[in-house]
Amino acid sequence: MTTITLSDILDDIQTAEEGLRKFERRYWVSSDHFYDLYSKGLLDDGENPEDISEWAGHYKLRQKRMATLEGVR
């Protein structure tokens, strides 16, 4: 079993935030709004599937690490 350190959690959050900002600037949509649409299946139009997948990945990572961080407190 691998132990994740506080430093690892914070690094992951920072990396995810940088990725989210990149897509928010590119598409002019907040990540929360994007993920709401994504989770409802409203973004599957076949355009930019790599961007959508990567954006969702950054969002999920941030959410997971934020929950982990809350558990550390």
C-alpha atoms as a PDB file:
ATOM      1  CA  MET A   1       0.000   0.000   0.000  1.00  0.00           C
ATOM      2  CA  THR A   2       1.362   3.406  -0.968  1.00  0.00           C
ATOM      3  CA  THR A   3       1.129   6.270   1.465  1.00  0.00           C
ATOM      4  CA  ILE A   4       0.332   9.673   0.045  1.00  0.00           C
ATOM      5  CA  THR A   5       1.964  12.609   1.766  1.00  0.00           C
ATOM      6  CA  LEU A   6       0.558  16.061   2.357  1.00  0.00           C
ATOM      7  CA  SER A   7       3.127  17.362  -0.113  1.00  0.00           C
ATOM      8  CA  ASP A   8       1.853  14.897  -2.743  1.00  0.00           C
ATOM      9  CA  ILE A   9      -1.732  16.018  -2.145  1.00  0.00           C
ATOM     10  CA  LEU A  10      -0.841  19.697  -2.482  1.00  0.00           C
ATOM     11  CA  ASP A  11       1.262  19.054  -5.602  1.00  0.00           C
ATOM     12  CA  ASP A  12      -1.618  17.172  -7.217  1.00  0.00           C
ATOM     13  CA  ILE A  13      -4.065  19.968  -6.371  1.00  0.00           C
ATOM     14  CA  GLN A  14      -1.733  22.561  -7.870  1.00  0.00           C
ATOM     15  CA  THR A  15      -1.242  20.509 -11.044  1.00  0.00           C
ATOM     16  CA  ALA A  16      -4.994  19.959 -11.385  1.00  0.00           C
ATOM     17  CA  GLU A  17      -5.704  23.664 -10.850  1.00  0.00           C
ATOM     18  CA  GLU A  18      -3.215  24.609 -13.577  1.00  0.00           C
ATOM     19  CA  GLY A  19      -4.892  22.187 -15.980  1.00  0.00           C
ATOM     20  CA  LEU A  20      -8.352  23.489 -15.109  1.00  0.00           C
ATOM     21  CA  ARG A  21      -7.308  27.108 -15.676  1.00  0.00           C
ATOM     22  CA  LYS A  22      -5.883  26.172 -19.079  1.00  0.00           C
ATOM     23  CA  PHE A  23      -9.229  24.787 -20.231  1.00  0.00           C
ATOM     24  CA  GLU A  24     -11.265  27.558 -18.608  1.00  0.00           C
ATOM     25  CA  ARG A  25      -9.245  30.121 -20.576  1.00  0.00           C
ATOM     26  CA  ARG A  26      -9.509  28.120 -23.796  1.00  0.00           C
ATOM     27  CA  TYR A  27     -13.266  27.501 -23.637  1.00  0.00           C
ATOM     28  CA  TRP A  28     -14.457  30.426 -21.477  1.00  0.00           C
ATOM     29  CA  VAL A  29     -16.353  28.100 -19.141  1.00  0.00           C
ATOM     30  CA  SER A  30     -15.840  27.493 -15.429  1.00  0.00           C
ATOM     31  CA  SER A  31     -14.711  24.000 -14.547  1.00  0.00           C
ATOM     32  CA  ASP A  32     -17.696  23.517 -12.246  1.00  0.00           C
ATOM     33  CA  HIS A  33     -20.101  24.355 -15.087  1.00  0.00           C
ATOM     34  CA  PHE A  34     -18.126  22.191 -17.511  1.00  0.00           C
ATOM     35  CA  TYR A  35     -18.200  19.211 -15.155  1.00  0.00           C
ATOM     36  CA  ASP A  36     -21.917  19.618 -14.521  1.00  0.00           C
ATOM     37  CA  LEU A  37     -22.546  19.436 -18.283  1.00  0.00           C
ATOM     38  CA  TYR A  38     -20.009  16.625 -18.693  1.00  0.00           C
ATOM     39  CA  SER A  39     -21.522  14.497 -15.926  1.00  0.00           C
ATOM     40  CA  LYS A  40     -24.968  14.861 -17.547  1.00  0.00           C
ATOM     41  CA  GLY A  41     -23.575  13.672 -20.889  1.00  0.00           C
ATOM     42  CA  LEU A  42     -24.258  16.988 -22.606  1.00  0.00           C
ATOM     43  CA  LEU A  43     -20.770  17.457 -24.084  1.00  0.00           C
ATOM     44  CA  ASP A  44     -20.439  14.331 -26.183  1.00  0.00           C
ATOM     45  CA  ASP A  45     -20.605  15.970 -29.596  1.00  0.00           C
ATOM     46  CA  GLY A  46     -17.431  14.298 -30.864  1.00  0.00           C
ATOM     47  CA  GLU A  47     -15.421  17.528 -30.940  1.00  0.00           C
ATOM     48  CA  ASN A  48     -12.244  17.798 -28.876  1.00  0.00           C
ATOM     49  CA  PRO A  49     -12.612  14.469 -27.035  1.00  0.00           C
ATOM     50  CA  GLU A  50      -9.037  14.651 -25.746  1.00  0.00           C
ATOM     51  CA  ASP A  51      -9.629  18.074 -24.192  1.00  0.00           C
ATOM     52  CA  ILE A  52     -12.879  16.969 -22.597  1.00  0.00           C
ATOM     53  CA  SER A  53     -11.306  13.826 -21.191  1.00  0.00           C
ATOM     54  CA  GLU A  54      -8.270  15.678 -19.840  1.00  0.00           C
ATOM     55  CA  TRP A  55     -10.401  18.479 -18.362  1.00  0.00           C
ATOM     56  CA  ALA A  56     -12.632  15.942 -16.592  1.00  0.00           C
ATOM     57  CA  GLY A  57      -9.538  14.149 -15.314  1.00  0.00           C
ATOM     58  CA  HIS A  58      -8.118  17.332 -13.811  1.00  0.00           C
ATOM     59  CA  TYR A  59     -11.478  18.091 -12.218  1.00  0.00           C
ATOM     60  CA  LYS A  60     -11.825  14.604 -10.710  1.00  0.00           C
ATOM     61  CA  LEU A  61      -8.252  14.679  -9.410  1.00  0.00           C
ATOM     62  CA  ARG A  62      -8.807  18.050  -7.742  1.00  0.00           C
ATOM     63  CA  GLN A  63     -12.041  16.854  -6.133  1.00  0.00           C
ATOM     64  CA  LYS A  64     -10.434  13.632  -4.918  1.00  0.00           C
ATOM     65  CA  ARG A  65      -7.383  15.375  -3.491  1.00  0.00           C
ATOM     66  CA  MET A  66      -9.491  18.104  -1.854  1.00  0.00           C
ATOM     67  CA  ALA A  67     -11.539  15.385  -0.130  1.00  0.00           C
ATOM     68  CA  THR A  68      -8.325  13.692   0.974  1.00  0.00           C
ATOM     69  CA  LEU A  69      -7.006  17.018   2.265  1.00  0.00           C
ATOM     70  CA  GLU A  70     -10.215  17.537   4.266  1.00  0.00           C
ATOM     71  CA  GLY A  71      -9.661  14.111   5.825  1.00  0.00           C
ATOM     72  CA  VAL A  72      -6.149  15.104   6.922  1.00  0.00           C
ATOM     73  CA  ARG A  73      -7.395  18.116   8.857  1.00  0.00           C
END
